C-alpha atoms as a PDB file:
ATOM      1  CA  MET A   1       0.066  -0.071   0.074  1.00  0.00           C
ATOM      2  CA  LYS A   2       2.877   2.326   0.827  1.00  0.00           C
ATOM      3  CA  GLN A   3       4.250   1.712  -2.652  1.00  0.00           C
ATOM      4  CA  LEU A   4       1.079   2.735  -4.246  1.00  0.00           C
ATOM      5  CA  HIS A   5       1.033   6.032  -2.286  1.00  0.00           C
ATOM      6  CA  PHE A   6       4.553   6.462  -3.290  1.00  0.00           C
ATOM      7  CA  LEU A   7       3.846   5.906  -7.021  1.00  0.00           C
ATOM      8  CA  ILE A   8       0.638   8.090  -6.940  1.00  0.00           C
ATOM      9  CA  PHE A   9       2.793  10.947  -5.190  1.00  0.00           C
ATOM     10  CA  PHE A  10       5.635  10.378  -7.849  1.00  0.00           C
ATOM     11  CA  ILE A  11       3.297  10.562 -10.720  1.00  0.00           C
ATOM     12  CA  LEU A  12       1.492  13.650  -9.518  1.00  0.00           C
ATOM     13  CA  THR A  13       4.905  15.500  -8.683  1.00  0.00           C
ATOM     14  CA  ALA A  14       6.132  14.671 -12.144  1.00  0.00           C
ATOM     15  CA  CYS A  15       3.180  15.970 -13.765  1.00  0.00           C
ATOM     16  CA  ILE A  16       3.170  19.177 -11.605  1.00  0.00           C
ATOM     17  CA  SER A  17       6.869  19.937 -11.513  1.00  0.00           C
ATOM     18  CA  LYS A  18       8.226  22.466 -14.107  1.00  0.00           C
ATOM     19  CA  PRO A  19      10.934  21.258 -16.289  1.00  0.00           C
ATOM     20  CA  GLU A  20      14.314  23.137 -16.280  1.00  0.00           C
ATOM     21  CA  ILE A  21      14.777  25.882 -18.928  1.00  0.00           C
ATOM     22  CA  PRO A  22      17.383  24.226 -21.312  1.00  0.00           C
ATOM     23  CA  THR A  23      20.605  26.026 -21.664  1.00  0.00           C
ATOM     24  CA  GLY A  24      20.555  28.522 -24.493  1.00  0.00           C
ATOM     25  CA  THR A  25      16.796  29.087 -24.128  1.00  0.00           C
ATOM     26  CA  LEU A  26      16.028  32.761 -24.280  1.00  0.00           C
ATOM     27  CA  SER A  27      14.641  34.421 -21.265  1.00  0.00           C
ATOM     28  CA  LYS A  28      10.903  35.303 -21.202  1.00  0.00           C
ATOM     29  CA  GLU A  29      11.600  38.953 -21.315  1.00  0.00           C
ATOM     30  CA  LYS A  30      13.770  38.496 -24.417  1.00  0.00           C
ATOM     31  CA  MET A  31      11.156  36.227 -26.063  1.00  0.00           C
ATOM     32  CA  SER A  32       8.419  38.827 -25.292  1.00  0.00           C
ATOM     33  CA  ALA A  33      10.630  41.631 -26.836  1.00  0.00           C
ATOM     34  CA  ILE A  34      11.074  39.499 -30.052  1.00  0.00           C
ATOM     35  CA  LEU A  35       7.586  38.532 -30.246  1.00  0.00           C
ATOM     36  CA  ILE A  36       6.341  42.189 -29.999  1.00  0.00           C
ATOM     37  CA  ASP A  37       8.501  43.045 -32.954  1.00  0.00           C
ATOM     38  CA  ILE A  38       7.364  39.880 -34.831  1.00  0.00           C
ATOM     39  CA  HIS A  39       3.652  40.946 -34.229  1.00  0.00           C
ATOM     40  CA  LEU A  40       4.342  44.354 -35.424  1.00  0.00           C
ATOM     41  CA  LEU A  41       5.943  43.032 -38.646  1.00  0.00           C
ATOM     42  CA  GLU A  42       2.943  40.814 -39.198  1.00  0.00           C
ATOM     43  CA  THR A  43       0.650  43.756 -38.926  1.00  0.00           C
ATOM     44  CA  LYS A  44       2.826  45.823 -41.389  1.00  0.00           C
ATOM     45  CA  ILE A  45       3.073  43.003 -43.936  1.00  0.00           C
ATOM     46  CA  ASP A  46      -0.704  42.506 -43.759  1.00  0.00           C
ATOM     47  CA  ALA A  47      -1.133  46.305 -44.411  1.00  0.00           C
ATOM     48  CA  LEU A  48       0.786  46.094 -47.584  1.00  0.00           C
ATOM     49  CA  ARG A  49      -1.518  43.505 -48.969  1.00  0.00           C
ATOM     50  CA  LEU A  50       1.066  41.722 -50.846  1.00  0.00           C
ATOM     51  CA  ASP A  51       0.441  38.434 -52.674  1.00  0.00           C
ATOM     52  CA  LYS A  52       1.327  35.429 -50.655  1.00  0.00           C
ATOM     53  CA  ASP A  53       4.734  34.705 -52.127  1.00  0.00           C
ATOM     54  CA  SER A  54       5.880  38.406 -51.821  1.00  0.00           C
ATOM     55  CA  ALA A  55       4.456  38.386 -48.323  1.00  0.00           C
ATOM     56  CA  ARG A  56       6.372  35.392 -47.304  1.00  0.00           C
ATOM     57  CA  ILE A  57       9.698  36.699 -48.789  1.00  0.00           C
ATOM     58  CA  THR A  58       9.293  40.037 -47.390  1.00  0.00           C
ATOM     59  CA  TYR A  59       8.366  38.656 -43.915  1.00  0.00           C
ATOM     60  CA  ALA A  60      11.336  36.319 -43.869  1.00  0.00           C
ATOM     61  CA  HIS A  61      13.589  39.404 -44.647  1.00  0.00           C
ATOM     62  CA  PHE A  62      12.319  41.395 -41.821  1.00  0.00           C
ATOM     63  CA  GLU A  63      12.154  38.552 -39.376  1.00  0.00           C
ATOM     64  CA  ASN A  64      15.806  38.096 -39.937  1.00  0.00           C
ATOM     65  CA  LEU A  65      16.430  41.673 -39.268  1.00  0.00           C
ATOM     66  CA  ILE A  66      14.332  41.489 -36.039  1.00  0.00           C
ATOM     67  CA  LEU A  67      16.553  38.470 -34.973  1.00  0.00           C
ATOM     68  CA  GLU A  68      19.736  40.400 -35.686  1.00  0.00           C
ATOM     69  CA  LYS A  69      18.352  43.444 -33.765  1.00  0.00           C
ATOM     70  CA  HIS A  70      17.913  41.242 -30.691  1.00  0.00           C
ATOM     71  CA  GLU A  71      21.158  39.331 -31.416  1.00  0.00           C
ATOM     72  CA  VAL A  72      19.551  36.026 -31.603  1.00  0.00           C
ATOM     73  CA  ASP A  73      19.914  33.312 -34.184  1.00  0.00           C
ATOM     74  CA  ARG A  74      17.052  31.552 -35.848  1.00  0.00           C
ATOM     75  CA  GLU A  75      17.761  28.312 -34.145  1.00  0.00           C
ATOM     76  CA  THR A  76      17.887  29.658 -30.683  1.00  0.00           C
ATOM     77  CA  TYR A  77      14.628  31.588 -31.404  1.00  0.00           C
ATOM     78  CA  LEU A  78      12.694  28.679 -32.769  1.00  0.00           C
ATOM     79  CA  THR A  79      13.990  26.297 -29.996  1.00  0.00           C
ATOM     80  CA  SER A  80      13.086  28.656 -27.435  1.00  0.00           C
ATOM     81  CA  LEU A  81       9.546  29.207 -28.941  1.00  0.00           C
ATOM     82  CA  LYS A  82       9.065  25.576 -28.980  1.00  0.00           C
ATOM     83  CA  PHE A  83      10.107  25.263 -25.431  1.00  0.00           C
ATOM     84  CA  TYR A  84       7.835  28.068 -24.282  1.00  0.00           C
ATOM     85  CA  THR A  85       4.757  26.872 -26.306  1.00  0.00           C
ATOM     86  CA  ASP A  86       5.067  23.431 -24.522  1.00  0.00           C
ATOM     87  CA  GLN A  87       5.074  25.289 -21.177  1.00  0.00           C
ATOM     88  CA  THR A  88       1.593  26.830 -21.037  1.00  0.00           C
ATOM     89  CA  GLU A  89       2.186  28.948 -17.773  1.00  0.00           C
ATOM     90  CA  ASP A  90       5.395  30.432 -19.180  1.00  0.00           C
ATOM     91  CA  PHE A  91       3.756  30.950 -22.619  1.00  0.00           C
ATOM     92  CA  TYR A  92       0.936  32.878 -20.954  1.00  0.00           C
ATOM     93  CA  ASP A  93       3.218  34.947 -18.964  1.00  0.00           C
ATOM     94  CA  ILE A  94       5.039  35.878 -22.321  1.00  0.00           C
ATOM     95  CA  TYR A  95       1.971  36.662 -24.363  1.00  0.00           C
ATOM     96  CA  GLU A  96       0.514  38.624 -21.236  1.00  0.00           C
ATOM     97  CA  VAL A  97       3.538  41.074 -21.720  1.00  0.00           C
ATOM     98  CA  VAL A  98       3.268  40.929 -25.492  1.00  0.00           C
ATOM     99  CA  VAL A  99      -0.418  41.906 -25.615  1.00  0.00           C
ATOM    100  CA  ASP A 100      -0.127  44.500 -22.972  1.00  0.00           C
ATOM    101  CA  SER A 101       2.724  46.134 -24.783  1.00  0.00           C
ATOM    102  CA  LEU A 102       0.888  46.030 -28.069  1.00  0.00           C
ATOM    103  CA  MET A 103      -2.353  47.356 -26.673  1.00  0.00           C
ATOM    104  CA  LEU A 104      -0.257  50.284 -24.926  1.00  0.00           C
ATOM    105  CA  ARG A 105       1.443  51.056 -28.264  1.00  0.00           C
ATOM    106  CA  GLU A 106      -1.970  51.093 -30.030  1.00  0.00           C
ATOM    107  CA  LYS A 107      -3.499  53.296 -27.256  1.00  0.00           C
ATOM    108  CA  ASN A 108      -0.581  55.748 -27.479  1.00  0.00           C
ATOM    109  CA  GLN A 109      -0.907  55.901 -31.425  1.00  0.00           C
ATOM    110  CA  ASN A 110      -4.703  56.749 -30.926  1.00  0.00           C
ATOM    111  CA  ILE A 111      -3.888  59.652 -28.645  1.00  0.00           C
ATOM    112  CA  LYS A 112      -1.590  61.329 -30.960  1.00  0.00           C
END
């Protein structure tokens, strides 16, 4: 019976415990900053009303510039994005910052 309790405790602890952030993963703050720029880029690309191929090429070019601006290589960005999308709570924290920032920018633009 004690073994069963231990097994249940172990399973619950394993499900609840947060995995360690892998070495080389971007911080939540850095991911938030990059994603803010990415979403602003998406808005600008949509506003241009380019055909699908042109939009894809333009997006890729400016996405690379965003990653350069933040001094992050594509592999690190994609690996970090994958990690955070698998960690619901962390991903929620990141997007809370992203959404708040984008809403504040929009509000400030409407005031001017």
